[in-house]
Amino acid sequence: MLEQYFPILLFIAVGLALGAVMLVVGSLVAPSKPDPSKLSPYECGFEAFEDARMKFDVRYYLVAILFILFDLEIAFLFPWAVVLPDIGTAGFVAMMVFLAILVVGFVYEWKKGALDWE
């Protein structure tokens, strides 16, 4: 019974070994020149000048969520385009309904001003 799990165990072992090898090779090959600006906690290279808990504009997150939403919905078009000859008219009509709902949602977000930066 345990021999059925051997491929899974082998897959995990190879994955862990490959990950360890890449970490070791990366640490040996990569240049190591630390300086205070690289070791600072912020990506921009200088310390924060305001409180981290200050109020900020959340429109960026709204636009990011909308992008992910519409991007994922558009990703459904690729498999549909591949099997379009096989699914016939019913599949075409179903996708047109899906796209119509997508366009209505996009127009709604546009009219509400969710895509404006100012």
N, C-alpha and C. Protein backbone atom coordinates (compact mmCIF):
# COMPACT_ATOMS: atom_id res chain seq x y z
N MET A 1 0.82 -1.19 0.00
CA MET A 1 0.00 0.00 0.00
C MET A 1 0.86 1.26 0.00
N LEU A 2 1.97 1.26 0.74
CA LEU A 2 2.81 2.44 0.82
C LEU A 2 3.54 2.74 -0.49
N GLU A 3 3.71 1.74 -1.35
CA GLU A 3 4.40 2.00 -2.62
C GLU A 3 3.59 2.91 -3.54
N GLN A 4 2.31 3.05 -3.27
CA GLN A 4 1.49 3.98 -4.06
C GLN A 4 1.86 5.43 -3.75
N TYR A 5 2.38 5.70 -2.58
CA TYR A 5 2.75 7.05 -2.19
C TYR A 5 4.19 7.40 -2.54
N PHE A 6 4.93 6.44 -3.07
CA PHE A 6 6.33 6.70 -3.41
C PHE A 6 6.51 7.82 -4.43
N PRO A 7 5.71 7.90 -5.50
CA PRO A 7 5.88 9.03 -6.44
C PRO A 7 5.67 10.39 -5.77
N ILE A 8 4.75 10.47 -4.85
CA ILE A 8 4.51 11.74 -4.15
C ILE A 8 5.70 12.07 -3.26
N LEU A 9 6.20 11.08 -2.55
CA LEU A 9 7.37 11.28 -1.70
C LEU A 9 8.59 11.68 -2.54
N LEU A 10 8.75 11.03 -3.68
CA LEU A 10 9.85 11.36 -4.58
C LEU A 10 9.71 12.79 -5.11
N PHE A 11 8.51 13.19 -5.46
CA PHE A 11 8.25 14.55 -5.95
C PHE A 11 8.59 15.59 -4.88
N ILE A 12 8.19 15.33 -3.65
CA ILE A 12 8.49 16.26 -2.55
C ILE A 12 9.99 16.31 -2.31
N ALA A 13 10.66 15.16 -2.31
CA ALA A 13 12.10 15.12 -2.07
C ALA A 13 12.86 15.87 -3.16
N VAL A 14 12.49 15.66 -4.41
CA VAL A 14 13.16 16.35 -5.52
C VAL A 14 12.90 17.85 -5.43
N GLY A 15 11.69 18.26 -5.08
CA GLY A 15 11.38 19.68 -4.94
C GLY A 15 12.18 20.34 -3.84
N LEU A 16 12.27 19.68 -2.69
CA LEU A 16 13.06 20.23 -1.58
C LEU A 16 14.55 20.29 -1.94
N ALA A 17 15.06 19.24 -2.58
CA ALA A 17 16.47 19.22 -2.97
C ALA A 17 16.76 20.31 -4.00
N LEU A 18 15.90 20.46 -4.97
CA LEU A 18 16.09 21.49 -5.98
C LEU A 18 16.04 22.89 -5.37
N GLY A 19 15.12 23.10 -4.45
CA GLY A 19 15.04 24.39 -3.76
C GLY A 19 16.30 24.67 -2.95
N ALA A 20 16.80 23.67 -2.24
CA ALA A 20 18.03 23.84 -1.45
C ALA A 20 19.23 24.11 -2.35
N VAL A 21 19.32 23.40 -3.47
CA VAL A 21 20.43 23.63 -4.40
C VAL A 21 20.38 25.05 -4.96
N MET A 22 19.21 25.53 -5.32
CA MET A 22 19.10 26.89 -5.85
C MET A 22 19.46 27.94 -4.80
N LEU A 23 19.08 27.73 -3.55
CA LEU A 23 19.45 28.66 -2.50
C LEU A 23 20.96 28.69 -2.28
N VAL A 24 21.57 27.52 -2.26
CA VAL A 24 23.02 27.45 -2.04
C VAL A 24 23.76 28.08 -3.22
N VAL A 25 23.38 27.76 -4.44
CA VAL A 25 24.04 28.33 -5.61
C VAL A 25 23.84 29.84 -5.65
N GLY A 26 22.65 30.30 -5.33
CA GLY A 26 22.39 31.74 -5.30
C GLY A 26 23.23 32.47 -4.28
N SER A 27 23.40 31.88 -3.11
CA SER A 27 24.21 32.53 -2.08
C SER A 27 25.70 32.50 -2.43
N LEU A 28 26.15 31.51 -3.19
CA LEU A 28 27.56 31.44 -3.59
C LEU A 28 27.87 32.36 -4.77
N VAL A 29 26.95 32.50 -5.69
CA VAL A 29 27.20 33.25 -6.91
C VAL A 29 26.88 34.74 -6.76
N ALA A 30 25.86 35.07 -6.01
CA ALA A 30 25.41 36.46 -5.90
C ALA A 30 26.41 37.31 -5.13
N PRO A 31 26.62 38.54 -5.61
CA PRO A 31 27.51 39.42 -4.84
C PRO A 31 26.84 39.87 -3.55
N SER A 32 27.63 39.97 -2.49
CA SER A 32 27.11 40.39 -1.20
C SER A 32 27.81 41.67 -0.79
N LYS A 33 27.14 42.81 -1.03
CA LYS A 33 27.68 44.11 -0.66
C LYS A 33 26.63 44.88 0.13
N PRO A 34 26.41 44.51 1.37
CA PRO A 34 25.38 45.21 2.14
C PRO A 34 25.83 46.62 2.51
N ASP A 35 24.87 47.55 2.47
CA ASP A 35 25.11 48.89 2.98
C ASP A 35 23.84 49.34 3.70
N PRO A 36 23.92 50.40 4.47
CA PRO A 36 22.76 50.80 5.29
C PRO A 36 21.48 51.05 4.49
N SER A 37 21.60 51.62 3.29
CA SER A 37 20.38 51.90 2.52
C SER A 37 19.74 50.61 2.00
N LYS A 38 20.56 49.62 1.68
CA LYS A 38 19.99 48.34 1.25
C LYS A 38 19.35 47.58 2.40
N LEU A 39 19.89 47.76 3.59
CA LEU A 39 19.39 47.03 4.75
C LEU A 39 18.25 47.77 5.46
N SER A 40 17.87 48.94 4.95
CA SER A 40 16.78 49.69 5.58
C SER A 40 15.46 48.96 5.36
N PRO A 41 14.48 49.19 6.21
CA PRO A 41 13.23 48.43 6.12
C PRO A 41 12.33 48.88 4.98
N TYR A 42 12.68 49.94 4.27
CA TYR A 42 11.81 50.45 3.22
C TYR A 42 12.49 50.33 1.88
N GLU A 43 11.72 50.04 0.88
CA GLU A 43 12.22 49.80 -0.46
C GLU A 43 12.82 51.06 -1.08
N CYS A 44 12.33 52.23 -0.68
CA CYS A 44 12.78 53.47 -1.30
C CYS A 44 14.15 53.91 -0.80
N GLY A 45 14.66 53.34 0.27
CA GLY A 45 16.00 53.65 0.72
C GLY A 45 16.10 54.70 1.81
N PHE A 46 14.98 55.26 2.26
CA PHE A 46 15.06 56.22 3.37
C PHE A 46 13.97 55.91 4.38
N GLU A 47 14.20 56.33 5.59
CA GLU A 47 13.27 56.04 6.68
C GLU A 47 11.95 56.78 6.47
N ALA A 48 10.90 56.24 7.03
CA ALA A 48 9.58 56.86 6.92
C ALA A 48 9.57 58.19 7.67
N PHE A 49 8.89 59.17 7.11
CA PHE A 49 8.84 60.48 7.75
C PHE A 49 7.48 60.76 8.37
N GLU A 50 6.54 59.81 8.23
CA GLU A 50 5.23 59.95 8.85
C GLU A 50 4.87 58.63 9.53
N ASP A 51 3.78 58.68 10.26
CA ASP A 51 3.30 57.49 10.95
C ASP A 51 2.78 56.48 9.94
N ALA A 52 3.06 55.23 10.16
CA ALA A 52 2.62 54.18 9.24
C ALA A 52 1.11 53.96 9.32
N ARG A 53 0.48 54.44 10.39
CA ARG A 53 -0.95 54.24 10.55
C ARG A 53 -1.77 55.45 10.09
N MET A 54 -1.17 56.31 9.25
CA MET A 54 -1.89 57.49 8.78
C MET A 54 -2.95 57.09 7.76
N LYS A 55 -3.91 57.97 7.53
CA LYS A 55 -4.96 57.71 6.55
C LYS A 55 -4.38 57.83 5.15
N PHE A 56 -4.85 56.99 4.26
CA PHE A 56 -4.38 57.06 2.89
C PHE A 56 -5.54 56.76 1.95
N ASP A 57 -5.34 57.10 0.71
CA ASP A 57 -6.38 56.94 -0.30
C ASP A 57 -6.47 55.47 -0.71
N VAL A 58 -7.65 54.93 -0.68
CA VAL A 58 -7.83 53.51 -1.00
C VAL A 58 -8.22 53.29 -2.46
N ARG A 59 -8.21 54.34 -3.26
CA ARG A 59 -8.58 54.17 -4.67
C ARG A 59 -7.62 53.25 -5.40
N TYR A 60 -6.37 53.23 -4.98
CA TYR A 60 -5.41 52.33 -5.62
C TYR A 60 -5.88 50.88 -5.47
N TYR A 61 -6.33 50.50 -4.29
CA TYR A 61 -6.78 49.13 -4.07
C TYR A 61 -8.05 48.83 -4.85
N LEU A 62 -8.92 49.82 -4.99
CA LEU A 62 -10.13 49.64 -5.78
C LEU A 62 -9.78 49.37 -7.24
N VAL A 63 -8.86 50.16 -7.78
CA VAL A 63 -8.44 49.95 -9.17
C VAL A 63 -7.74 48.60 -9.32
N ALA A 64 -6.94 48.22 -8.34
CA ALA A 64 -6.25 46.93 -8.40
C ALA A 64 -7.24 45.77 -8.37
N ILE A 65 -8.24 45.86 -7.52
CA ILE A 65 -9.25 44.80 -7.45
C ILE A 65 -10.04 44.73 -8.75
N LEU A 66 -10.40 45.90 -9.29
CA LEU A 66 -11.12 45.90 -10.57
C LEU A 66 -10.27 45.32 -11.68
N PHE A 67 -8.98 45.64 -11.68
CA PHE A 67 -8.10 45.07 -12.70
C PHE A 67 -8.07 43.55 -12.59
N ILE A 68 -7.91 43.04 -11.39
CA ILE A 68 -7.88 41.59 -11.20
C ILE A 68 -9.20 40.97 -11.64
N LEU A 69 -10.28 41.60 -11.27
CA LEU A 69 -11.60 41.08 -11.63
C LEU A 69 -11.77 40.99 -13.14
N PHE A 70 -11.51 42.09 -13.85
CA PHE A 70 -11.70 42.10 -15.30
C PHE A 70 -10.63 41.26 -15.99
N ASP A 71 -9.44 41.21 -15.45
CA ASP A 71 -8.38 40.40 -16.03
C ASP A 71 -8.73 38.92 -15.96
N LEU A 72 -9.24 38.48 -14.83
CA LEU A 72 -9.63 37.07 -14.70
C LEU A 72 -10.81 36.73 -15.60
N GLU A 73 -11.72 37.66 -15.73
CA GLU A 73 -12.86 37.39 -16.62
C GLU A 73 -12.42 37.30 -18.07
N ILE A 74 -11.48 38.14 -18.46
CA ILE A 74 -10.96 38.07 -19.82
C ILE A 74 -10.20 36.78 -20.05
N ALA A 75 -9.60 36.23 -19.01
CA ALA A 75 -8.87 34.97 -19.15
C ALA A 75 -9.79 33.83 -19.56
N PHE A 76 -11.09 33.96 -19.32
CA PHE A 76 -12.03 32.93 -19.76
C PHE A 76 -12.21 32.93 -21.27
N LEU A 77 -11.79 33.99 -21.95
CA LEU A 77 -11.95 34.05 -23.40
C LEU A 77 -11.00 33.10 -24.13
N PHE A 78 -9.83 32.84 -23.58
CA PHE A 78 -8.86 32.00 -24.28
C PHE A 78 -9.34 30.55 -24.43
N PRO A 79 -9.78 29.89 -23.35
CA PRO A 79 -10.28 28.52 -23.56
C PRO A 79 -11.53 28.50 -24.44
N TRP A 80 -12.35 29.53 -24.33
CA TRP A 80 -13.54 29.60 -25.17
C TRP A 80 -13.16 29.71 -26.64
N ALA A 81 -12.16 30.52 -26.95
CA ALA A 81 -11.73 30.70 -28.34
C ALA A 81 -11.15 29.41 -28.90
N VAL A 82 -10.51 28.61 -28.05
CA VAL A 82 -9.91 27.36 -28.52
C VAL A 82 -10.99 26.34 -28.88
N VAL A 83 -12.05 26.26 -28.09
CA VAL A 83 -13.08 25.24 -28.31
C VAL A 83 -14.30 25.79 -29.04
N LEU A 84 -14.22 27.00 -29.58
CA LEU A 84 -15.37 27.60 -30.25
C LEU A 84 -15.95 26.74 -31.37
N PRO A 85 -15.14 26.11 -32.22
CA PRO A 85 -15.74 25.26 -33.25
C PRO A 85 -16.50 24.06 -32.68
N ASP A 86 -16.11 23.60 -31.50
CA ASP A 86 -16.74 22.42 -30.90
C ASP A 86 -18.03 22.74 -30.17
N ILE A 87 -18.16 23.93 -29.61
CA ILE A 87 -19.33 24.22 -28.77
C ILE A 87 -20.49 24.81 -29.56
N GLY A 88 -20.25 25.28 -30.75
CA GLY A 88 -21.32 25.72 -31.63
C GLY A 88 -21.98 27.03 -31.21
N THR A 89 -23.20 27.19 -31.67
CA THR A 89 -23.95 28.44 -31.46
C THR A 89 -24.31 28.66 -30.00
N ALA A 90 -24.64 27.61 -29.29
CA ALA A 90 -25.01 27.76 -27.88
C ALA A 90 -23.85 28.32 -27.06
N GLY A 91 -22.66 27.83 -27.31
CA GLY A 91 -21.48 28.35 -26.61
C GLY A 91 -21.17 29.78 -26.99
N PHE A 92 -21.38 30.11 -28.27
CA PHE A 92 -21.16 31.48 -28.72
C PHE A 92 -22.13 32.44 -28.04
N VAL A 93 -23.40 32.07 -27.98
CA VAL A 93 -24.41 32.93 -27.36
C VAL A 93 -24.13 33.07 -25.86
N ALA A 94 -23.74 31.99 -25.21
CA ALA A 94 -23.43 32.05 -23.78
C ALA A 94 -22.26 33.00 -23.52
N MET A 95 -21.24 32.96 -24.37
CA MET A 95 -20.11 33.86 -24.18
C MET A 95 -20.49 35.31 -24.49
N MET A 96 -21.36 35.53 -25.44
CA MET A 96 -21.80 36.89 -25.72
C MET A 96 -22.60 37.46 -24.54
N VAL A 97 -23.40 36.62 -23.88
CA VAL A 97 -24.11 37.07 -22.67
C VAL A 97 -23.10 37.40 -21.57
N PHE A 98 -22.09 36.55 -21.41
CA PHE A 98 -21.03 36.79 -20.43
C PHE A 98 -20.31 38.10 -20.71
N LEU A 99 -19.97 38.34 -21.98
CA LEU A 99 -19.28 39.58 -22.35
C LEU A 99 -20.18 40.79 -22.17
N ALA A 100 -21.49 40.64 -22.44
CA ALA A 100 -22.41 41.76 -22.23
C ALA A 100 -22.46 42.14 -20.75
N ILE A 101 -22.51 41.15 -19.87
CA ILE A 101 -22.50 41.42 -18.43
C ILE A 101 -21.18 42.08 -18.03
N LEU A 102 -20.08 41.63 -18.61
CA LEU A 102 -18.77 42.22 -18.34
C LEU A 102 -18.72 43.68 -18.78
N VAL A 103 -19.25 43.98 -19.94
CA VAL A 103 -19.26 45.35 -20.45
C VAL A 103 -20.16 46.23 -19.60
N VAL A 104 -21.31 45.72 -19.18
CA VAL A 104 -22.20 46.50 -18.32
C VAL A 104 -21.51 46.82 -17.00
N GLY A 105 -20.80 45.86 -16.42
CA GLY A 105 -20.06 46.12 -15.19
C GLY A 105 -18.95 47.13 -15.38
N PHE A 106 -18.26 47.05 -16.51
CA PHE A 106 -17.20 48.01 -16.80
C PHE A 106 -17.75 49.41 -16.98
N VAL A 107 -18.84 49.55 -17.70
CA VAL A 107 -19.46 50.87 -17.90
C VAL A 107 -19.95 51.42 -16.57
N TYR A 108 -20.52 50.58 -15.73
CA TYR A 108 -20.98 51.01 -14.40
C TYR A 108 -19.82 51.55 -13.58
N GLU A 109 -18.70 50.82 -13.55
CA GLU A 109 -17.53 51.28 -12.80
C GLU A 109 -16.97 52.57 -13.38
N TRP A 110 -17.01 52.70 -14.68
CA TRP A 110 -16.51 53.91 -15.33
C TRP A 110 -17.38 55.10 -14.97
N LYS A 111 -18.69 54.91 -15.03
CA LYS A 111 -19.63 56.01 -14.69
C LYS A 111 -19.57 56.40 -13.22
N LYS A 112 -19.30 55.44 -12.34
CA LYS A 112 -19.19 55.73 -10.91
C LYS A 112 -17.88 56.45 -10.57
N GLY A 113 -16.94 56.48 -11.52
CA GLY A 113 -15.67 57.16 -11.27
C GLY A 113 -14.65 56.30 -10.58
N ALA A 114 -14.83 55.00 -10.57
CA ALA A 114 -13.89 54.12 -9.87
C ALA A 114 -12.56 54.03 -10.59
N LEU A 115 -12.51 54.41 -11.85
CA LEU A 115 -11.27 54.30 -12.62
C LEU A 115 -10.55 55.64 -12.72
N ASP A 116 -11.06 56.69 -12.08
CA ASP A 116 -10.42 58.01 -12.11
C ASP A 116 -9.39 58.12 -11.00
N TRP A 117 -8.25 58.71 -11.31
CA TRP A 117 -7.19 58.87 -10.32
C TRP A 117 -7.32 60.17 -9.54
N GLU A 118 -7.96 61.17 -10.09
CA GLU A 118 -8.06 62.44 -9.37
C GLU A 118 -9.26 62.49 -8.49
